[in-house]
C-alpha cells in the first residue's frame, strides 16, 4: 500500500493551490491554543499554476512541520517563569525577524504610521495625561504564547503577560523603523 503524501490541492472556490496536513489528535489542543486551528494546517501556496505550486510545496510543508514540532514541544513541557531579559530577548528576536522580512521593500510609510498609531491607541493615560503601561488583551496573551512556543518555551501566565508587553513595544519599534525605511533612512536604529 503506498504511503499518503502531502501534495498541493486547489482551493475549490479560488483555484489557488494550497497544502493541507491533518493535525494528529494528540496535538490538537496545543494547535488550537497556539495557532487557532484544530483539525488541519493549511498553507496557501499563492499560485494557480500547478508547476509553481509543486515548486513551493516543500517550503510550505516545512512550515507545517515546524508548527507540528512546536505543538509537540508544547505538550511535553511544564510552564516556566521568564525573566524580564528573556521576555525582551524573545520580543527582540521576533522584531528582527519581521524587520528582515520587510526592510528591503518597506511599503508606504502611511501603512506603518497607521500600524504605530493603532498600537499606541491601546495605551491608557493617567490623570496627568501620561501613558500608563500597556495592558495586554487575551488575544495578545495568545500571540505571546504562540511566539514563546516557536522558541520552544512554555511560559506561565505572568510571563506571557510580560512577553505580550514586550511584543507590543517591539511592534511599535518595528513600525517606527519601517516608517524611517519607507522614507529612505536605512541608518542604524536610534
N, C-alpha and C. Protein backbone atom coordinates (compact mmCIF):
# COMPACT_ATOMS: atom_id res chain seq x y z
N UNK A 1 0.84 -1.19 0.00
CA UNK A 1 0.00 0.00 0.00
C UNK A 1 0.89 1.24 0.00
N UNK A 2 0.68 2.19 -0.92
CA UNK A 2 1.53 3.38 -0.98
C UNK A 2 1.29 4.29 0.22
N UNK A 3 2.35 5.01 0.58
CA UNK A 3 2.26 5.97 1.68
C UNK A 3 1.61 7.25 1.17
N UNK A 4 0.65 7.76 1.92
CA UNK A 4 -0.02 9.00 1.52
C UNK A 4 0.94 10.17 1.67
N UNK A 5 1.07 10.96 0.64
CA UNK A 5 1.96 12.12 0.66
C UNK A 5 1.12 13.39 0.70
N UNK A 6 1.67 14.38 1.35
CA UNK A 6 1.03 15.68 1.34
C UNK A 6 1.39 16.33 0.01
N UNK A 7 0.38 16.73 -0.75
CA UNK A 7 0.64 17.34 -2.05
C UNK A 7 -0.30 18.53 -2.24
N UNK A 8 0.08 19.44 -3.12
CA UNK A 8 -0.76 20.62 -3.36
C UNK A 8 -2.15 20.24 -3.90
N UNK A 9 -3.16 20.94 -3.41
CA UNK A 9 -4.53 20.78 -3.91
C UNK A 9 -5.09 22.17 -4.20
N UNK A 10 -6.03 22.22 -5.14
CA UNK A 10 -6.66 23.50 -5.48
C UNK A 10 -7.76 23.83 -4.47
N UNK A 11 -7.85 25.11 -4.12
CA UNK A 11 -9.00 25.57 -3.34
C UNK A 11 -10.20 25.53 -4.26
N UNK A 12 -11.32 24.96 -3.82
CA UNK A 12 -12.45 24.79 -4.73
C UNK A 12 -13.03 26.10 -5.27
N UNK A 13 -12.98 27.17 -4.51
CA UNK A 13 -13.59 28.42 -4.97
C UNK A 13 -12.59 29.29 -5.74
N UNK A 14 -11.38 29.48 -5.18
CA UNK A 14 -10.44 30.42 -5.78
C UNK A 14 -9.53 29.79 -6.83
N UNK A 15 -9.31 28.47 -6.75
CA UNK A 15 -8.41 27.81 -7.67
C UNK A 15 -6.95 27.94 -7.30
N UNK A 16 -6.66 28.63 -6.18
CA UNK A 16 -5.29 28.79 -5.71
C UNK A 16 -4.86 27.50 -5.02
N UNK A 17 -3.64 27.07 -5.29
CA UNK A 17 -3.15 25.85 -4.68
C UNK A 17 -2.80 26.08 -3.21
N UNK A 18 -2.96 25.03 -2.43
CA UNK A 18 -2.63 25.07 -1.02
C UNK A 18 -2.15 23.69 -0.60
N UNK A 19 -1.50 23.66 0.55
CA UNK A 19 -1.01 22.41 1.10
C UNK A 19 -1.72 22.19 2.43
N UNK A 20 -2.24 20.98 2.63
CA UNK A 20 -3.01 20.68 3.83
C UNK A 20 -2.40 19.47 4.52
N UNK A 21 -2.41 19.49 5.85
CA UNK A 21 -1.94 18.34 6.60
C UNK A 21 -2.76 18.23 7.88
N UNK A 22 -3.27 17.04 8.13
CA UNK A 22 -4.09 16.77 9.31
C UNK A 22 -3.22 16.85 10.56
N UNK A 23 -3.76 17.45 11.61
CA UNK A 23 -3.07 17.55 12.90
C UNK A 23 -3.38 16.28 13.69
N UNK A 24 -2.35 15.56 14.15
CA UNK A 24 -2.61 14.37 14.96
C UNK A 24 -3.46 14.72 16.19
N UNK A 25 -4.33 13.81 16.56
CA UNK A 25 -5.26 14.07 17.67
C UNK A 25 -4.53 14.47 18.94
N UNK A 26 -3.38 13.88 19.21
CA UNK A 26 -2.64 14.18 20.44
C UNK A 26 -2.12 15.62 20.47
N UNK A 27 -2.07 16.29 19.33
CA UNK A 27 -1.54 17.66 19.25
C UNK A 27 -2.63 18.71 19.04
N UNK A 28 -3.88 18.29 18.94
CA UNK A 28 -4.94 19.22 18.57
C UNK A 28 -5.20 20.31 19.61
N UNK A 29 -5.13 19.97 20.89
CA UNK A 29 -5.35 21.01 21.91
C UNK A 29 -4.26 22.08 21.82
N UNK A 30 -3.01 21.64 21.67
CA UNK A 30 -1.91 22.60 21.55
C UNK A 30 -2.03 23.42 20.28
N UNK A 31 -2.41 22.78 19.17
CA UNK A 31 -2.56 23.51 17.90
C UNK A 31 -3.65 24.56 17.99
N UNK A 32 -4.75 24.20 18.65
CA UNK A 32 -5.85 25.16 18.79
C UNK A 32 -5.42 26.34 19.65
N UNK A 33 -4.73 26.06 20.74
CA UNK A 33 -4.29 27.12 21.65
C UNK A 33 -3.23 28.01 21.00
N UNK A 34 -2.31 27.41 20.26
CA UNK A 34 -1.18 28.16 19.72
C UNK A 34 -1.44 28.79 18.35
N UNK A 35 -2.21 28.09 17.51
CA UNK A 35 -2.38 28.54 16.13
C UNK A 35 -3.83 28.76 15.72
N UNK A 36 -4.77 28.45 16.62
CA UNK A 36 -6.17 28.70 16.34
C UNK A 36 -6.81 27.72 15.37
N UNK A 37 -6.16 26.59 15.15
CA UNK A 37 -6.72 25.54 14.29
C UNK A 37 -6.68 24.22 15.05
N UNK A 38 -7.64 23.36 14.74
CA UNK A 38 -7.73 22.12 15.49
C UNK A 38 -7.54 20.87 14.61
N UNK A 39 -8.05 20.87 13.40
CA UNK A 39 -8.06 19.65 12.60
C UNK A 39 -6.91 19.54 11.60
N UNK A 40 -6.57 20.67 10.95
CA UNK A 40 -5.50 20.59 9.95
C UNK A 40 -4.81 21.94 9.79
N UNK A 41 -3.55 21.87 9.38
CA UNK A 41 -2.82 23.06 9.00
C UNK A 41 -2.95 23.21 7.49
N UNK A 42 -3.18 24.44 7.04
CA UNK A 42 -3.30 24.73 5.61
C UNK A 42 -2.35 25.88 5.30
N UNK A 43 -1.48 25.67 4.32
CA UNK A 43 -0.58 26.72 3.86
C UNK A 43 -0.97 27.10 2.44
N UNK A 44 -1.27 28.37 2.23
CA UNK A 44 -1.60 28.89 0.90
C UNK A 44 -0.31 28.98 0.09
N UNK A 45 -0.32 28.40 -1.10
CA UNK A 45 0.87 28.43 -1.95
C UNK A 45 0.90 29.65 -2.86
N UNK A 46 -0.18 30.42 -2.89
CA UNK A 46 -0.19 31.70 -3.57
C UNK A 46 -0.06 31.63 -5.09
N UNK A 47 -0.48 30.54 -5.69
CA UNK A 47 -0.41 30.44 -7.14
C UNK A 47 -1.52 29.52 -7.66
N UNK A 48 -1.91 29.77 -8.90
CA UNK A 48 -2.88 28.90 -9.58
C UNK A 48 -2.16 27.97 -10.56
N UNK A 49 -0.86 28.12 -10.68
CA UNK A 49 -0.05 27.32 -11.58
C UNK A 49 0.42 26.06 -10.86
N UNK A 50 0.09 24.90 -11.42
CA UNK A 50 0.40 23.64 -10.74
C UNK A 50 1.91 23.41 -10.59
N UNK A 51 2.68 23.71 -11.61
CA UNK A 51 4.14 23.52 -11.54
C UNK A 51 4.75 24.42 -10.46
N UNK A 52 4.28 25.65 -10.41
CA UNK A 52 4.78 26.58 -9.38
C UNK A 52 4.36 26.11 -7.99
N UNK A 53 3.16 25.58 -7.88
CA UNK A 53 2.68 25.06 -6.59
C UNK A 53 3.56 23.90 -6.13
N UNK A 54 3.92 23.01 -7.04
CA UNK A 54 4.81 21.89 -6.67
C UNK A 54 6.18 22.41 -6.24
N UNK A 55 6.65 23.48 -6.87
CA UNK A 55 7.94 24.07 -6.50
C UNK A 55 7.88 24.69 -5.10
N UNK A 56 6.75 25.31 -4.75
CA UNK A 56 6.61 25.98 -3.45
C UNK A 56 6.23 25.03 -2.32
N UNK A 57 5.76 23.84 -2.68
CA UNK A 57 5.24 22.90 -1.67
C UNK A 57 6.26 22.51 -0.59
N UNK A 58 7.53 22.23 -0.92
CA UNK A 58 8.46 21.83 0.14
C UNK A 58 8.62 22.88 1.24
N UNK A 59 8.67 24.15 0.88
CA UNK A 59 8.80 25.20 1.90
C UNK A 59 7.53 25.28 2.74
N UNK A 60 6.37 25.12 2.12
CA UNK A 60 5.12 25.14 2.86
C UNK A 60 5.01 23.93 3.79
N UNK A 61 5.45 22.78 3.30
CA UNK A 61 5.43 21.58 4.14
C UNK A 61 6.39 21.74 5.32
N UNK A 62 7.53 22.36 5.09
CA UNK A 62 8.48 22.61 6.18
C UNK A 62 7.84 23.51 7.24
N UNK A 63 7.06 24.50 6.82
CA UNK A 63 6.38 25.39 7.76
C UNK A 63 5.34 24.62 8.56
N UNK A 64 4.60 23.74 7.90
CA UNK A 64 3.60 22.92 8.61
C UNK A 64 4.30 22.01 9.62
N UNK A 65 5.39 21.40 9.21
CA UNK A 65 6.13 20.51 10.11
C UNK A 65 6.70 21.29 11.29
N UNK A 66 7.13 22.53 11.05
CA UNK A 66 7.63 23.38 12.14
C UNK A 66 6.52 23.63 13.15
N UNK A 67 5.31 23.92 12.66
CA UNK A 67 4.17 24.15 13.55
C UNK A 67 3.84 22.89 14.35
N UNK A 68 3.88 21.74 13.68
CA UNK A 68 3.63 20.48 14.40
C UNK A 68 4.69 20.24 15.46
N UNK A 69 5.94 20.57 15.14
CA UNK A 69 7.01 20.41 16.12
C UNK A 69 6.81 21.33 17.31
N UNK A 70 6.36 22.56 17.05
CA UNK A 70 6.05 23.50 18.15
C UNK A 70 4.96 22.90 19.03
N UNK A 71 3.95 22.32 18.42
CA UNK A 71 2.86 21.69 19.20
C UNK A 71 3.40 20.52 20.02
N UNK A 72 4.27 19.70 19.44
CA UNK A 72 4.85 18.56 20.16
C UNK A 72 5.64 19.04 21.37
N UNK A 73 6.50 20.04 21.16
CA UNK A 73 7.31 20.56 22.27
C UNK A 73 6.41 21.16 23.34
N UNK A 74 5.34 21.81 22.92
CA UNK A 74 4.46 22.49 23.86
C UNK A 74 3.67 21.51 24.72
N UNK A 75 3.40 20.34 24.22
CA UNK A 75 2.64 19.36 25.00
C UNK A 75 3.53 18.60 25.98
N UNK A 76 4.84 18.71 25.84
CA UNK A 76 5.75 17.92 26.66
C UNK A 76 6.43 18.72 27.76
N UNK A 77 6.22 20.00 27.86
CA UNK A 77 6.95 20.81 28.83
C UNK A 77 6.01 21.42 29.86
N UNK A 78 6.58 21.64 31.04
CA UNK A 78 5.85 22.36 32.08
C UNK A 78 6.11 23.86 31.91
N UNK A 79 5.13 24.66 32.31
CA UNK A 79 5.27 26.12 32.19
C UNK A 79 6.42 26.62 33.06
N UNK A 80 7.15 27.59 32.53
CA UNK A 80 8.27 28.16 33.27
C UNK A 80 8.11 29.67 33.41
N UNK A 81 8.77 30.22 34.40
CA UNK A 81 8.79 31.66 34.63
C UNK A 81 9.91 32.27 33.81
N UNK A 82 9.60 33.30 33.03
CA UNK A 82 10.61 34.00 32.23
C UNK A 82 11.05 35.26 32.95
N UNK A 83 12.31 35.56 32.86
CA UNK A 83 12.83 36.81 33.41
C UNK A 83 12.50 37.96 32.46
N UNK A 84 12.66 39.17 32.94
CA UNK A 84 12.44 40.34 32.10
C UNK A 84 13.35 40.30 30.88
N UNK A 85 14.61 39.96 31.09
CA UNK A 85 15.56 39.95 29.98
C UNK A 85 15.19 38.88 28.95
N UNK A 86 14.65 37.74 29.40
CA UNK A 86 14.22 36.71 28.45
C UNK A 86 13.03 37.21 27.61
N UNK A 87 12.09 37.88 28.25
CA UNK A 87 10.94 38.43 27.51
C UNK A 87 11.40 39.45 26.47
N UNK A 88 12.30 40.33 26.87
CA UNK A 88 12.81 41.35 25.95
C UNK A 88 13.61 40.70 24.82
N UNK A 89 14.38 39.66 25.13
CA UNK A 89 15.17 38.97 24.11
C UNK A 89 14.27 38.27 23.09
N UNK A 90 13.22 37.62 23.55
CA UNK A 90 12.29 36.94 22.64
C UNK A 90 11.61 37.97 21.74
N UNK A 91 11.13 39.06 22.34
CA UNK A 91 10.47 40.11 21.56
C UNK A 91 11.46 40.74 20.58
N UNK A 92 12.71 40.91 20.99
CA UNK A 92 13.73 41.47 20.10
C UNK A 92 14.01 40.55 18.92
N UNK A 93 14.07 39.25 19.17
CA UNK A 93 14.28 38.29 18.08
C UNK A 93 13.09 38.32 17.12
N UNK A 94 11.88 38.40 17.68
CA UNK A 94 10.67 38.48 16.86
C UNK A 94 10.74 39.73 15.97
N UNK A 95 11.13 40.87 16.55
CA UNK A 95 11.23 42.13 15.81
C UNK A 95 12.26 42.03 14.70
N UNK A 96 13.43 41.45 15.00
CA UNK A 96 14.48 41.33 13.98
C UNK A 96 14.02 40.46 12.80
N UNK A 97 13.30 39.39 13.10
CA UNK A 97 12.78 38.53 12.03
C UNK A 97 11.81 39.30 11.14
N UNK A 98 10.92 40.07 11.74
CA UNK A 98 9.95 40.85 10.96
C UNK A 98 10.64 41.96 10.18
N UNK A 99 11.66 42.55 10.77
CA UNK A 99 12.42 43.60 10.10
C UNK A 99 13.10 43.04 8.85
N UNK A 100 13.70 41.85 8.98
CA UNK A 100 14.34 41.22 7.82
C UNK A 100 13.34 40.95 6.70
N UNK A 101 12.12 40.55 7.06
CA UNK A 101 11.11 40.25 6.06
C UNK A 101 10.64 41.50 5.31
N UNK A 102 10.62 42.65 5.98
CA UNK A 102 10.01 43.85 5.41
C UNK A 102 10.98 44.95 5.01
N UNK A 103 12.22 44.88 5.46
CA UNK A 103 13.13 46.01 5.33
C UNK A 103 13.48 46.38 3.88
N UNK A 104 13.66 45.41 3.02
CA UNK A 104 14.09 45.72 1.65
C UNK A 104 13.00 46.40 0.84
N UNK A 105 11.75 46.09 1.13
CA UNK A 105 10.60 46.71 0.47
C UNK A 105 9.61 47.14 1.55
N UNK A 106 9.84 48.29 2.16
CA UNK A 106 9.09 48.65 3.36
C UNK A 106 7.64 49.05 3.18
N UNK A 107 7.13 49.16 1.98
CA UNK A 107 5.74 49.59 1.75
C UNK A 107 5.60 51.06 2.13
N UNK A 108 4.48 51.68 1.79
CA UNK A 108 4.31 53.11 2.08
C UNK A 108 4.35 53.41 3.58
N UNK A 109 4.90 54.55 3.90
CA UNK A 109 5.01 54.96 5.31
C UNK A 109 3.64 55.09 5.97
N UNK A 110 2.62 55.46 5.19
CA UNK A 110 1.30 55.65 5.78
C UNK A 110 0.78 54.37 6.44
N UNK A 111 1.04 53.23 5.84
CA UNK A 111 0.60 51.96 6.42
C UNK A 111 1.27 51.69 7.75
N UNK A 112 2.58 51.96 7.82
CA UNK A 112 3.30 51.75 9.06
C UNK A 112 2.91 52.79 10.11
N UNK A 113 2.62 54.01 9.66
CA UNK A 113 2.16 55.03 10.60
C UNK A 113 0.81 54.64 11.19
N UNK A 114 -0.07 54.11 10.36
CA UNK A 114 -1.38 53.66 10.86
C UNK A 114 -1.20 52.51 11.86
N UNK A 115 -0.28 51.60 11.55
CA UNK A 115 0.00 50.48 12.47
C UNK A 115 0.50 51.00 13.81
N UNK A 116 1.47 51.93 13.77
CA UNK A 116 2.01 52.51 15.00
C UNK A 116 0.91 53.24 15.78
N UNK A 117 0.12 54.04 15.10
CA UNK A 117 -0.94 54.79 15.77
C UNK A 117 -1.97 53.87 16.40
N UNK A 118 -2.29 52.77 15.70
CA UNK A 118 -3.24 51.79 16.27
C UNK A 118 -2.67 51.18 17.55
N UNK A 119 -1.39 50.81 17.51
CA UNK A 119 -0.76 50.23 18.71
C UNK A 119 -0.75 51.23 19.86
N UNK A 120 -0.43 52.47 19.56
CA UNK A 120 -0.38 53.48 20.61
C UNK A 120 -1.77 53.81 21.16
N UNK A 121 -2.80 53.59 20.35
CA UNK A 121 -4.17 53.87 20.82
C UNK A 121 -4.61 52.91 21.92
N UNK A 122 -3.88 51.80 22.07
CA UNK A 122 -4.22 50.83 23.12
C UNK A 122 -3.77 51.29 24.51
N UNK A 123 -2.98 52.34 24.58
CA UNK A 123 -2.49 52.82 25.87
C UNK A 123 -3.58 53.56 26.63
N UNK A 124 -3.57 53.39 27.94
CA UNK A 124 -4.41 54.20 28.83
C UNK A 124 -3.55 55.33 29.37
N UNK A 125 -4.20 56.43 29.75
CA UNK A 125 -3.47 57.58 30.27
C UNK A 125 -3.94 57.89 31.68
N UNK A 126 -3.01 58.35 32.52
CA UNK A 126 -3.39 58.70 33.89
C UNK A 126 -4.00 60.11 33.91
N UNK A 127 -4.31 60.60 35.09
CA UNK A 127 -4.97 61.91 35.24
C UNK A 127 -4.11 63.07 34.72
N UNK A 128 -2.79 62.88 34.69
CA UNK A 128 -1.89 63.92 34.20
C UNK A 128 -1.61 63.81 32.71
N UNK A 129 -2.28 62.88 32.04
CA UNK A 129 -2.09 62.71 30.61
C UNK A 129 -0.87 61.89 30.24
N UNK A 130 -0.23 61.23 31.22
CA UNK A 130 0.94 60.40 30.96
C UNK A 130 0.50 58.98 30.62
N UNK A 131 1.15 58.35 29.64
CA UNK A 131 0.75 56.98 29.29
C UNK A 131 1.09 56.01 30.42
N UNK A 132 0.18 55.07 30.64
CA UNK A 132 0.42 54.01 31.60
C UNK A 132 0.97 52.81 30.85
N UNK A 133 1.40 51.80 31.60
CA UNK A 133 1.90 50.59 30.95
C UNK A 133 0.82 49.96 30.10
N UNK A 134 1.25 49.36 29.01
CA UNK A 134 0.32 48.66 28.12
C UNK A 134 -0.21 47.42 28.85
N UNK A 135 -1.52 47.22 28.77
CA UNK A 135 -2.15 46.04 29.37
C UNK A 135 -2.60 45.11 28.26
N UNK A 136 -1.98 43.93 28.16
CA UNK A 136 -2.30 43.02 27.05
C UNK A 136 -3.72 42.46 27.13
N UNK A 137 -4.29 42.25 25.96
CA UNK A 137 -5.61 41.64 25.83
C UNK A 137 -5.44 40.11 25.78
N UNK A 138 -6.53 39.35 25.91
CA UNK A 138 -6.42 37.89 25.77
C UNK A 138 -5.81 37.48 24.42
N UNK A 139 -6.13 38.23 23.37
CA UNK A 139 -5.54 37.94 22.05
C UNK A 139 -4.03 38.15 22.08
N UNK A 140 -3.56 39.19 22.77
CA UNK A 140 -2.13 39.46 22.88
C UNK A 140 -1.44 38.33 23.67
N UNK A 141 -2.11 37.84 24.71
CA UNK A 141 -1.54 36.75 25.52
C UNK A 141 -1.42 35.49 24.65
N UNK A 142 -2.44 35.21 23.85
CA UNK A 142 -2.40 34.04 22.96
C UNK A 142 -1.26 34.18 21.94
N UNK A 143 -1.07 35.39 21.41
CA UNK A 143 0.02 35.61 20.47
C UNK A 143 1.36 35.41 21.16
N UNK A 144 1.50 35.90 22.39
CA UNK A 144 2.74 35.73 23.16
C UNK A 144 3.02 34.25 23.40
N UNK A 145 1.97 33.50 23.69
CA UNK A 145 2.13 32.06 23.91
C UNK A 145 2.62 31.38 22.63
N UNK A 146 2.07 31.77 21.49
CA UNK A 146 2.50 31.19 20.21
C UNK A 146 3.94 31.57 19.89
N UNK A 147 4.32 32.82 20.14
CA UNK A 147 5.69 33.26 19.88
C UNK A 147 6.65 32.50 20.80
N UNK A 148 6.32 32.39 22.08
CA UNK A 148 7.18 31.63 23.00
C UNK A 148 7.32 30.19 22.54
N UNK A 149 6.22 29.61 22.10
CA UNK A 149 6.24 28.21 21.65
C UNK A 149 7.15 28.03 20.43
N UNK A 150 7.20 29.04 19.56
CA UNK A 150 8.09 28.96 18.40
C UNK A 150 9.55 28.85 18.82
N UNK A 151 9.87 29.36 20.00
CA UNK A 151 11.23 29.27 20.54
C UNK A 151 11.36 28.09 21.51
N UNK A 152 10.36 27.21 21.52
CA UNK A 152 10.41 26.03 22.38
C UNK A 152 10.16 26.31 23.85
N UNK A 153 9.47 27.40 24.14
CA UNK A 153 9.24 27.81 25.53
C UNK A 153 7.76 27.70 25.87
N UNK A 154 7.48 27.10 27.01
CA UNK A 154 6.14 27.09 27.57
C UNK A 154 6.23 27.97 28.82
N UNK A 155 5.59 29.12 28.77
CA UNK A 155 5.71 30.11 29.84
C UNK A 155 4.46 30.14 30.70
N UNK A 156 4.64 30.56 31.96
CA UNK A 156 3.50 30.70 32.85
C UNK A 156 2.72 31.97 32.51
N UNK A 157 1.56 32.16 33.13
CA UNK A 157 0.67 33.27 32.78
C UNK A 157 1.31 34.63 33.00
N UNK A 158 2.00 34.81 34.11
CA UNK A 158 2.65 36.09 34.38
C UNK A 158 3.71 36.40 33.33
N UNK A 159 4.46 35.38 32.94
CA UNK A 159 5.49 35.56 31.92
C UNK A 159 4.87 35.88 30.56
N UNK A 160 3.74 35.24 30.25
CA UNK A 160 3.08 35.52 28.97
C UNK A 160 2.60 36.96 28.92
N UNK A 161 2.12 37.47 30.04
CA UNK A 161 1.69 38.87 30.08
C UNK A 161 2.89 39.79 29.85
N UNK A 162 4.01 39.48 30.52
CA UNK A 162 5.22 40.30 30.35
C UNK A 162 5.73 40.20 28.92
N UNK A 163 5.67 39.01 28.32
CA UNK A 163 6.11 38.85 26.93
C UNK A 163 5.19 39.61 25.99
N UNK A 164 3.88 39.59 26.25
CA UNK A 164 2.93 40.33 25.42
C UNK A 164 3.25 41.83 25.46
N UNK A 165 3.62 42.35 26.64
CA UNK A 165 4.00 43.75 26.75
C UNK A 165 5.27 44.03 25.93
N UNK A 166 6.25 43.12 26.03
CA UNK A 166 7.49 43.30 25.28
C UNK A 166 7.24 43.22 23.78
N UNK A 167 6.34 42.33 23.36
CA UNK A 167 6.00 42.23 21.94
C UNK A 167 5.29 43.49 21.45
N UNK A 168 4.43 44.07 22.29
CA UNK A 168 3.75 45.31 21.91
C UNK A 168 4.79 46.40 21.63
N UNK A 169 5.75 46.53 22.53
CA UNK A 169 6.80 47.54 22.34
C UNK A 169 7.62 47.23 21.09
N UNK A 170 7.92 45.95 20.86
CA UNK A 170 8.67 45.57 19.66
C UNK A 170 7.91 45.92 18.39
N UNK A 171 6.59 45.78 18.43
CA UNK A 171 5.76 46.14 17.26
C UNK A 171 5.80 47.65 17.02
N UNK A 172 5.73 48.44 18.09
CA UNK A 172 5.82 49.90 17.95
C UNK A 172 7.17 50.26 17.36
N UNK A 173 8.25 49.67 17.90
CA UNK A 173 9.60 49.95 17.40
C UNK A 173 9.75 49.52 15.94
N UNK A 174 9.19 48.37 15.59
CA UNK A 174 9.24 47.90 14.21
C UNK A 174 8.54 48.90 13.28
N UNK A 175 7.36 49.35 13.68
CA UNK A 175 6.62 50.31 12.85
C UNK A 175 7.42 51.59 12.67
N UNK A 176 8.05 52.08 13.74
CA UNK A 176 8.83 53.31 13.64
C UNK A 176 10.05 53.12 12.73
N UNK A 177 10.69 51.97 12.84
CA UNK A 177 11.83 51.68 11.96
C UNK A 177 11.37 51.61 10.51
N UNK A 178 10.25 50.96 10.26
CA UNK A 178 9.76 50.81 8.89
C UNK A 178 9.30 52.15 8.31
N UNK A 179 8.81 53.04 9.15
CA UNK A 179 8.47 54.39 8.67
C UNK A 179 9.75 55.07 8.16
N UNK A 180 10.84 54.95 8.95
CA UNK A 180 12.11 55.54 8.51
C UNK A 180 12.60 54.89 7.22
N UNK A 181 12.47 53.55 7.12
CA UNK A 181 12.91 52.85 5.90
C UNK A 181 12.08 53.29 4.70
N UNK A 182 10.79 53.48 4.90
CA UNK A 182 9.91 53.92 3.81
C UNK A 182 10.30 55.30 3.30
N UNK A 183 10.92 56.10 4.17
CA UNK A 183 11.40 57.44 3.77
C UNK A 183 12.85 57.42 3.31
N UNK A 184 13.41 56.20 3.17
CA UNK A 184 14.78 56.07 2.65
C UNK A 184 15.86 56.11 3.70
N UNK A 185 15.53 56.15 4.98
CA UNK A 185 16.53 56.18 6.05
C UNK A 185 16.86 54.75 6.45
N UNK A 186 18.02 54.26 6.03
CA UNK A 186 18.46 52.91 6.37
C UNK A 186 19.62 52.95 7.37
N UNK A 187 19.72 54.06 8.10
CA UNK A 187 20.73 54.17 9.14
C UNK A 187 20.38 53.30 10.32
N UNK A 188 21.31 53.14 11.27
CA UNK A 188 21.01 52.30 12.43
C UNK A 188 19.85 52.87 13.25
N UNK A 189 19.17 51.98 13.94
CA UNK A 189 18.07 52.43 14.80
C UNK A 189 18.62 53.31 15.91
N UNK A 190 17.84 54.32 16.31
CA UNK A 190 18.32 55.18 17.40
C UNK A 190 18.36 54.45 18.71
